[in-house]
C-alpha atoms as a PDB file:
ATOM      1  CA  MET A   1     205.630-159.613 103.303  1.00  0.00           C
ATOM      2  CA  GLN A   2     206.560-157.129 101.242  1.00  0.00           C
ATOM      3  CA  LYS A   3     201.989-156.912 100.753  1.00  0.00           C
ATOM      4  CA  LEU A   4     202.103-155.938 104.625  1.00  0.00           C
ATOM      5  CA  LEU A   5     204.148-153.520 104.630  1.00  0.00           C
ATOM      6  CA  THR A   6     202.936-150.715 101.374  1.00  0.00           C
ATOM      7  CA  GLY A   7     201.724-147.786 102.543  1.00  0.00           C
ATOM      8  CA  TRP A   8     204.262-148.226 105.954  1.00  0.00           C
ATOM      9  CA  GLY A   9     206.851-146.479 104.766  1.00  0.00           C
ATOM     10  CA  ILE A  10     208.905-149.630 104.923  1.00  0.00           C
ATOM     11  CA  TRP A  11     211.409-152.033 103.292  1.00  0.00           C
ATOM     12  CA  LEU A  12     211.591-154.967 104.016  1.00  0.00           C
ATOM     13  CA  GLU A  13     215.017-155.998 103.509  1.00  0.00           C
ATOM     14  CA  THR A  14     215.572-159.790 105.280  1.00  0.00           C
ATOM     15  CA  CYS A  15     213.475-161.788 107.776  1.00  0.00           C
ATOM     16  CA  GLU A  16     214.615-162.891 110.615  1.00  0.00           C
ATOM     17  CA  ILE A  17     212.538-166.367 111.996  1.00  0.00           C
ATOM     18  CA  GLN A  18     213.219-166.791 115.747  1.00  0.00           C
ATOM     19  CA  ASP A  19     211.150-169.227 116.605  1.00  0.00           C
ATOM     20  CA  VAL A  20     208.868-172.098 114.560  1.00  0.00           C
ATOM     21  CA  LYS A  21     206.331-174.598 116.015  1.00  0.00           C
ATOM     22  CA  ILE A  22     205.362-177.482 113.860  1.00  0.00           C
ATOM     23  CA  ALA A  23     202.251-178.550 115.242  1.00  0.00           C
ATOM     24  CA  SER A  24     202.180-181.817 113.291  1.00  0.00           C
ATOM     25  CA  ARG A  25     204.367-184.654 114.255  1.00  0.00           C
ATOM     26  CA  SER A  26     204.397-186.426 111.048  1.00  0.00           C
ATOM     27  CA  LEU A  27     205.622-183.021 109.422  1.00  0.00           C
ATOM     28  CA  PHE A  28     208.031-182.992 112.103  1.00  0.00           C
ATOM     29  CA  ALA A  29     209.372-186.702 111.687  1.00  0.00           C
ATOM     30  CA  ASN A  30     208.787-186.242 108.012  1.00  0.00           C
ATOM     31  CA  LEU A  31     211.502-183.713 107.938  1.00  0.00           C
ATOM     32  CA  GLN A  32     213.747-184.387 110.460  1.00  0.00           C
ATOM     33  CA  MET A  33     213.211-187.973 109.085  1.00  0.00           C
ATOM     34  CA  GLU A  34     216.407-186.785 106.100  1.00  0.00           C
ATOM     35  CA  PHE A  35     219.206-185.452 109.210  1.00  0.00           C
ATOM     36  CA  ARG A  36     218.066-189.024 111.315  1.00  0.00           C
ATOM     37  CA  GLU A  37     218.833-191.188 108.158  1.00  0.00           C
ATOM     38  CA  LYS A  38     222.178-189.645 107.154  1.00  0.00           C
ATOM     39  CA  SER A  39     223.800-188.963 110.723  1.00  0.00           C
ATOM     40  CA  ARG A  40     221.836-192.916 110.732  1.00  0.00           C
ATOM     41  CA  GLN A  41     224.415-193.765 108.147  1.00  0.00           C
ATOM     42  CA  ASP A  42     227.595-191.782 109.499  1.00  0.00           C
ATOM     43  CA  ALA A  43     227.458-193.748 112.184  1.00  0.00           C
ATOM     44  CA  GLU A  44     226.750-197.054 110.182  1.00  0.00           C
ATOM     45  CA  LYS A  45     229.803-196.154 108.276  1.00  0.00           C
ATOM     46  CA  ILE A  46     231.500-194.851 111.500  1.00  0.00           C
ATOM     47  CA  SER A  47     230.707-198.668 112.917  1.00  0.00           C
ATOM     48  CA  ALA A  48     231.624-200.674 109.668  1.00  0.00           C
ATOM     49  CA  ASP A  49     234.786-198.453 109.360  1.00  0.00           C
ATOM     50  CA  THR A  50     235.961-199.163 113.141  1.00  0.00           C
ATOM     51  CA  ASN A  51     235.491-202.448 113.027  1.00  0.00           C
ATOM     52  CA  ASN A  52     236.674-203.285 109.646  1.00  0.00           C
ATOM     53  CA  VAL A  53     239.661-201.498 111.563  1.00  0.00           C
ATOM     54  CA  MET A  54     239.628-203.291 114.426  1.00  0.00           C
ATOM     55  CA  ARG A  55     239.834-207.208 111.944  1.00  0.00           C
ATOM     56  CA  GLN A  56     242.561-205.854 110.106  1.00  0.00           C
ATOM     57  CA  GLU A  57     244.659-204.916 113.625  1.00  0.00           C
ATOM     58  CA  GLU A  58     243.466-208.243 114.421  1.00  0.00           C
ATOM     59  CA  LEU A  59     244.531-210.184 111.528  1.00  0.00           C
ATOM     60  CA  VAL A  60     248.058-208.646 112.356  1.00  0.00           C
ATOM     61  CA  ARG A  61     247.771-209.396 115.322  1.00  0.00           C
ATOM     62  CA  SER A  62     246.936-213.383 114.549  1.00  0.00           C
ATOM     63  CA  ASN A  63     249.818-213.748 111.421  1.00  0.00           C
ATOM     64  CA  GLU A  64     252.112-212.139 113.654  1.00  0.00           C
ATOM     65  CA  PHE A  65     251.259-214.615 116.004  1.00  0.00           C
ATOM     66  CA  SER A  66     251.078-217.047 113.306  1.00  0.00           C
ATOM     67  CA  LYS A  67     254.473-216.261 112.242  1.00  0.00           C
ATOM     68  CA  ILE A  68     255.791-216.419 115.798  1.00  0.00           C
ATOM     69  CA  THR A  69     254.524-219.900 116.302  1.00  0.00           C
ATOM     70  CA  ALA A  70     255.733-221.303 113.244  1.00  0.00           C
ATOM     71  CA  GLU A  71     259.644-219.993 113.580  1.00  0.00           C
ATOM     72  CA  SER A  72     259.614-221.218 117.456  1.00  0.00           C
ATOM     73  CA  GLN A  73     258.372-224.310 116.157  1.00  0.00           C
ATOM     74  CA  THR A  74     260.888-224.769 113.241  1.00  0.00           C
ATOM     75  CA  LYS A  75     263.332-223.843 115.925  1.00  0.00           C
ATOM     76  CA  ALA A  76     262.593-226.603 118.457  1.00  0.00           C
ATOM     77  CA  SER A  77     262.299-229.128 115.295  1.00  0.00           C
ATOM     78  CA  ILE A  78     265.502-228.091 114.211  1.00  0.00           C
ATOM     79  CA  PHE A  79     267.152-228.118 117.458  1.00  0.00           C
ATOM     80  CA  ALA A  80     265.395-231.223 118.158  1.00  0.00           C
ATOM     81  CA  ALA A  81     266.951-232.590 114.585  1.00  0.00           C
ATOM     82  CA  GLU A  82     270.517-231.658 115.570  1.00  0.00           C
ATOM     83  CA  GLN A  83     269.944-233.172 119.026  1.00  0.00           C
ATOM     84  CA  ARG A  84     269.329-237.101 117.273  1.00  0.00           C
ATOM     85  CA  LEU A  85     272.085-235.828 114.795  1.00  0.00           C
ATOM     86  CA  GLN A  86     274.072-235.367 117.162  1.00  0.00           C
ATOM     87  CA  VAL A  87     273.596-238.606 119.027  1.00  0.00           C
ATOM     88  CA  GLN A  88     273.701-240.626 115.766  1.00  0.00           C
ATOM     89  CA  LYS A  89     276.628-239.484 115.557  1.00  0.00           C
ATOM     90  CA  GLN A  90     277.702-240.716 118.320  1.00  0.00           C
ATOM     91  CA  GLU A  91     276.100-243.645 118.433  1.00  0.00           C
ATOM     92  CA  ALA A  92     278.431-243.753 115.671  1.00  0.00           C
ATOM     93  CA  THR A  93     281.667-243.642 116.937  1.00  0.00           C
ATOM     94  CA  LEU A  94     280.452-246.199 120.025  1.00  0.00           C
ATOM     95  CA  TYR A  95     279.959-248.275 117.146  1.00  0.00           C
ATOM     96  CA  GLU A  96     283.472-248.012 115.151  1.00  0.00           C
ATOM     97  CA  GLN A  97     285.182-248.373 118.759  1.00  0.00           C
ATOM     98  CA  ARG A  98     283.153-251.494 119.362  1.00  0.00           C
ATOM     99  CA  LEU A  99     284.296-252.727 115.861  1.00  0.00           C
ATOM    100  CA  LYS A 100     287.495-251.418 116.253  1.00  0.00           C
ATOM    101  CA  ILE A 101     287.690-252.987 119.859  1.00  0.00           C
ATOM    102  CA  GLU A 102     286.325-256.843 118.162  1.00  0.00           C
ATOM    103  CA  LYS A 103     289.063-256.994 115.555  1.00  0.00           C
ATOM    104  CA  LYS A 104     291.478-256.057 117.410  1.00  0.00           C
ATOM    105  CA  LYS A 105     289.772-259.066 120.319  1.00  0.00           C
ATOM    106  CA  ALA A 106     289.224-260.814 116.763  1.00  0.00           C
ATOM    107  CA  GLU A 107     293.348-260.434 115.985  1.00  0.00           C
ATOM    108  CA  ALA A 108     294.165-261.498 119.037  1.00  0.00           C
ATOM    109  CA  GLU A 109     292.053-264.898 118.948  1.00  0.00           C
ATOM    110  CA  ASN A 110     293.432-265.408 115.798  1.00  0.00           C
ATOM    111  CA  LEU A 111     297.302-264.846 116.171  1.00  0.00           C
ATOM    112  CA  LYS A 112     297.205-267.314 119.688  1.00  0.00           C
ATOM    113  CA  LYS A 113     294.618-270.000 116.849  1.00  0.00           C
ATOM    114  CA  ILE A 114     298.103-269.487 115.323  1.00  0.00           C
ATOM    115  CA  ARG A 115     300.576-270.137 117.711  1.00  0.00           C
ATOM    116  CA  ASP A 116     298.546-272.771 119.741  1.00  0.00           C
ATOM    117  CA  GLU A 117     299.013-274.439 116.135  1.00  0.00           C
ATOM    118  CA  GLU A 118     302.863-273.868 115.425  1.00  0.00           C
ATOM    119  CA  MET A 119     303.282-274.985 119.325  1.00  0.00           C
ATOM    120  CA  LYS A 120     301.468-277.771 119.190  1.00  0.00           C
ATOM    121  CA  ILE A 121     303.632-279.053 115.787  1.00  0.00           C
ATOM    122  CA  GLU A 122     306.317-278.005 116.743  1.00  0.00           C
ATOM    123  CA  LEU A 123     305.327-280.410 119.824  1.00  0.00           C
ATOM    124  CA  ALA A 124     304.601-283.117 117.109  1.00  0.00           C
ATOM    125  CA  LYS A 125     307.922-282.687 115.441  1.00  0.00           C
ATOM    126  CA  LYS A 126     309.895-283.020 119.217  1.00  0.00           C
ATOM    127  CA  ARG A 127     307.621-286.453 120.221  1.00  0.00           C
ATOM    128  CA  ILE A 128     308.069-287.337 115.935  1.00  0.00           C
ATOM    129  CA  GLN A 129     311.943-286.866 116.797  1.00  0.00           C
ATOM    130  CA  LEU A 130     311.932-287.423 120.738  1.00  0.00           C
ATOM    131  CA  ASN A 131     310.405-291.210 119.260  1.00  0.00           C
ATOM    132  CA  GLY A 132     312.638-291.781 116.379  1.00  0.00           C
ATOM    133  CA  ASP A 133     315.714-290.879 118.851  1.00  0.00           C
ATOM    134  CA  ASN A 134     314.180-293.315 121.514  1.00  0.00           C
ATOM    135  CA  GLU A 135     312.881-295.869 118.110  1.00  0.00           C
ATOM    136  CA  VAL A 136     317.096-295.639 117.415  1.00  0.00           C
ATOM    137  CA  PHE A 137     318.272-295.854 121.027  1.00  0.00           C
ATOM    138  CA  ARG A 138     316.069-299.211 121.019  1.00  0.00           C
ATOM    139  CA  ILE A 139     317.704-300.514 117.748  1.00  0.00           C
ATOM    140  CA  LYS A 140     321.231-299.881 118.867  1.00  0.00           C
ATOM    141  CA  GLN A 141     321.084-301.516 122.625  1.00  0.00           C
ATOM    142  CA  ASN A 142     318.830-304.058 120.687  1.00  0.00           C
ATOM    143  CA  THR A 143     321.932-304.304 118.944  1.00  0.00           C
ATOM    144  CA  ALA A 144     324.751-304.437 122.014  1.00  0.00           C
ATOM    145  CA  GLN A 145     322.929-306.765 123.625  1.00  0.00           C
ATOM    146  CA  GLU A 146     322.288-308.826 120.358  1.00  0.00           C
ATOM    147  CA  GLY A 147     326.358-308.868 119.810  1.00  0.00           C
END
């Protein structure tokens, strides 16, 4: 451009281009390709980063939900086990009470049998004594009648 101005007494310091028209579509597309590719890559990176953040947040929520679910199931299992233990304790107490009652019944039956046996023995002794007394009485009567 300086060649055009030679002889005019003008010195060209800067040249400002205000409007450019590119007549070839393929040249314009090629000039824009780097910018478009960079924009596409930036957009894909932002999209991938956003997806990663969303997946991480979903994993955190999923882990928290799993943890809460596991804790709830553990608490429910513990509660059920405690309830079963309480029922077993009550059943054991009832069983012990039944055993005590059955033992007392058996002791009472044994005592009754012993008393019945003692009464039978006492009755037998009295019969024997009565029979002996009757025999003695008959012998005395027979001797009194003979004599």
